[in-house]
Amino acid sequence: MSAPEIAVRVMRLATAADLPLPRYHSGGAAGLDLRAALAEELVLPPGRRALVPTGLRLAVPAGYEAQLRPRSGLARRGLLLPNAPATIDSDYRGELQVLVWNAGDAPHAIRRGDRIAQLVLAPVARIAWRECGELPETPRGAGGFGSTGER
């Protein structure tokens, strides 16, 4: 069974006119790869962060969010997204920019067109609070970090 397709309007800025739109790289991929729309190479020293433009603006449908997540190949080399998953709300219309952090021990170059992050579309449930005096009991109870075991 394949996932349903949800139409998302995208506007490509002039800074990304020559870059392909994000796409899935396999039939079972959950995320589309976003590319860097940099004017020139960015060398990110260890421990530093930078905001990398994508040259794209989206109209995420109401009832959904777009999430930015790290690419596993880059994470292996220490390039992470410090606020992952980042949320792009359905009412945001600015350029998608990806905050990248070099958590590795060597400088990392990011070039125009490099795949820098994944974008995943996810449904959003809205909370309707029901304040109460007590909550139903569970076997776990108030057990916090590590309370379900080490393995």
Protein backbone atom coordinates (compact mmCIF):
# COMPACT_ATOMS: atom_id res chain seq x y z
CA MET A 1 0.00 0.00 0.00
CA SER A 2 1.45 3.38 -0.94
CA ALA A 3 1.10 6.56 1.07
CA PRO A 4 -1.42 9.15 -0.09
CA GLU A 5 -0.05 12.14 -1.96
CA ILE A 6 -0.80 15.54 -0.43
CA ALA A 7 -0.53 18.57 -2.72
CA VAL A 8 1.89 21.17 -1.38
CA ARG A 9 2.37 24.44 -3.24
CA VAL A 10 6.02 25.41 -3.67
CA MET A 11 7.59 28.61 -4.91
CA ARG A 12 11.14 28.44 -6.20
CA LEU A 13 13.05 31.68 -5.59
CA ALA A 14 15.49 33.07 -8.17
CA THR A 15 18.35 31.83 -5.95
CA ALA A 16 17.24 28.24 -6.63
CA ALA A 17 16.13 28.56 -10.27
CA ASP A 18 18.76 26.06 -11.45
CA LEU A 19 18.29 23.58 -8.59
CA PRO A 20 15.88 20.63 -8.79
CA LEU A 21 12.82 20.53 -6.57
CA PRO A 22 13.12 18.21 -3.58
CA ARG A 23 12.33 14.59 -4.43
CA TYR A 24 12.17 11.16 -2.87
CA HIS A 25 15.24 9.06 -3.64
CA SER A 26 13.56 5.67 -3.16
CA GLY A 27 10.06 4.24 -3.29
CA GLY A 28 9.85 3.86 0.49
CA ALA A 29 11.57 7.13 1.46
CA ALA A 30 9.69 9.24 4.02
CA GLY A 31 11.68 12.41 3.39
CA LEU A 32 12.49 14.56 0.39
CA ASP A 33 16.04 15.89 0.16
CA LEU A 34 16.48 19.67 0.43
CA ARG A 35 19.40 21.30 -1.38
CA ALA A 36 21.61 24.24 -0.41
CA ALA A 37 20.89 27.38 -2.48
CA LEU A 38 24.17 29.02 -1.54
CA ALA A 39 25.77 31.65 -3.74
CA GLU A 40 29.22 30.36 -2.77
CA GLU A 41 30.76 27.49 -0.82
CA LEU A 42 30.33 27.61 2.95
CA VAL A 43 33.04 26.02 5.09
CA LEU A 44 31.65 25.25 8.52
CA PRO A 45 34.36 24.86 11.19
CA PRO A 46 33.89 22.29 13.98
CA GLY A 47 31.43 23.45 16.64
CA ARG A 48 29.91 26.20 14.44
CA ARG A 49 26.38 26.62 13.11
CA ALA A 50 25.07 28.30 9.97
CA LEU A 51 21.69 29.00 8.41
CA VAL A 52 21.65 27.51 4.91
CA PRO A 53 19.02 28.80 2.44
CA THR A 54 17.08 26.40 0.21
CA GLY A 55 15.57 28.96 -2.16
CA LEU A 56 12.11 27.47 -1.56
CA ARG A 57 8.91 28.77 0.00
CA LEU A 58 6.04 26.39 0.82
CA ALA A 59 2.33 26.55 1.50
CA VAL A 60 1.98 23.59 3.87
CA PRO A 61 -1.71 22.57 3.93
CA ALA A 62 -3.74 23.26 7.08
CA GLY A 63 -3.70 20.23 9.36
CA TYR A 64 -0.07 19.41 8.46
CA GLU A 65 3.45 20.48 9.33
CA ALA A 66 6.66 20.06 7.41
CA GLN A 67 9.53 18.69 9.49
CA LEU A 68 13.22 19.24 8.77
CA ARG A 69 15.44 16.33 9.73
CA PRO A 70 19.13 15.53 9.31
CA ARG A 71 20.31 13.31 6.48
CA SER A 72 21.91 10.15 7.85
CA GLY A 73 24.93 10.36 5.52
CA LEU A 74 25.76 13.85 6.79
CA ALA A 75 25.05 12.97 10.42
CA ARG A 76 27.64 10.21 10.15
CA ARG A 77 30.18 12.94 9.36
CA GLY A 78 28.97 15.18 12.18
CA LEU A 79 26.70 17.59 10.29
CA LEU A 80 23.50 17.81 12.37
CA LEU A 81 20.38 19.95 12.68
CA PRO A 82 20.43 21.21 16.28
CA ASN A 83 16.66 21.79 16.44
CA ALA A 84 15.61 18.59 14.64
CA PRO A 85 12.96 17.91 13.90
CA ALA A 86 12.33 21.55 13.06
CA THR A 87 8.69 22.41 12.43
CA ILE A 88 7.50 24.45 9.47
CA ASP A 89 3.97 25.54 10.37
CA SER A 90 1.16 25.68 7.82
CA ASP A 91 0.93 29.47 8.12
CA TYR A 92 4.66 30.17 7.50
CA ARG A 93 5.41 31.58 4.04
CA GLY A 94 9.07 32.59 4.28
CA GLU A 95 12.05 30.86 2.69
CA LEU A 96 12.95 27.46 4.11
CA GLN A 97 16.34 27.72 5.74
CA VAL A 98 18.16 24.90 7.46
CA LEU A 99 20.17 25.47 10.63
CA VAL A 100 23.15 23.13 10.35
CA TRP A 101 25.73 22.43 13.05
CA ASN A 102 29.14 20.87 12.56
CA ALA A 103 29.41 18.55 15.56
CA GLY A 104 32.38 16.79 13.98
CA ASP A 105 36.06 17.41 14.50
CA ALA A 106 36.94 18.68 11.01
CA PRO A 107 35.67 21.55 8.83
CA HIS A 108 32.76 20.62 6.56
CA ALA A 109 32.21 22.29 3.19
CA ILE A 110 28.66 22.87 1.96
CA ARG A 111 28.35 23.65 -1.73
CA ARG A 112 25.52 24.91 -3.88
CA GLY A 113 23.16 22.04 -4.65
CA ASP A 114 24.37 19.79 -1.83
CA ARG A 115 21.60 17.78 -0.18
CA ILE A 116 21.60 19.17 3.36
CA ALA A 117 18.42 17.95 5.08
CA GLN A 118 15.23 15.96 4.67
CA LEU A 119 11.71 17.37 4.63
CA VAL A 120 8.86 15.20 5.91
CA LEU A 121 5.17 16.14 5.76
CA ALA A 122 3.27 15.08 8.89
CA PRO A 123 -0.33 15.43 10.08
CA VAL A 124 -0.91 17.61 13.12
CA ALA A 125 -3.41 16.85 15.87
CA ARG A 126 -4.70 19.80 17.90
CA ILE A 127 -4.88 19.48 21.69
CA ALA A 128 -8.14 20.13 23.52
CA TRP A 129 -7.19 20.31 27.21
CA ARG A 130 -9.43 18.54 29.72
CA GLU A 131 -8.26 19.70 33.12
CA CYS A 132 -8.88 17.15 35.88
CA GLY A 133 -8.04 16.40 39.49
CA GLU A 134 -6.42 13.02 38.85
CA LEU A 135 -5.18 10.88 35.98
CA PRO A 136 -5.82 7.19 35.29
CA GLU A 137 -3.16 4.86 36.74
CA THR A 138 -0.73 2.87 34.55
CA PRO A 139 1.82 0.15 35.42
CA ARG A 140 4.65 2.63 34.74
CA GLY A 141 3.17 5.40 36.86
CA ALA A 142 5.50 8.35 37.38
CA GLY A 143 8.67 6.40 36.49
CA GLY A 144 10.90 8.72 34.45
CA PHE A 145 14.21 8.43 32.64
CA GLY A 146 15.37 4.81 32.47
CA SER A 147 12.46 3.50 34.51
CA THR A 148 11.51 0.90 31.87
CA GLY A 149 14.97 -0.66 31.88
CA GLU A 150 18.40 -0.20 30.33
CA ARG A 151 17.86 -2.46 27.29
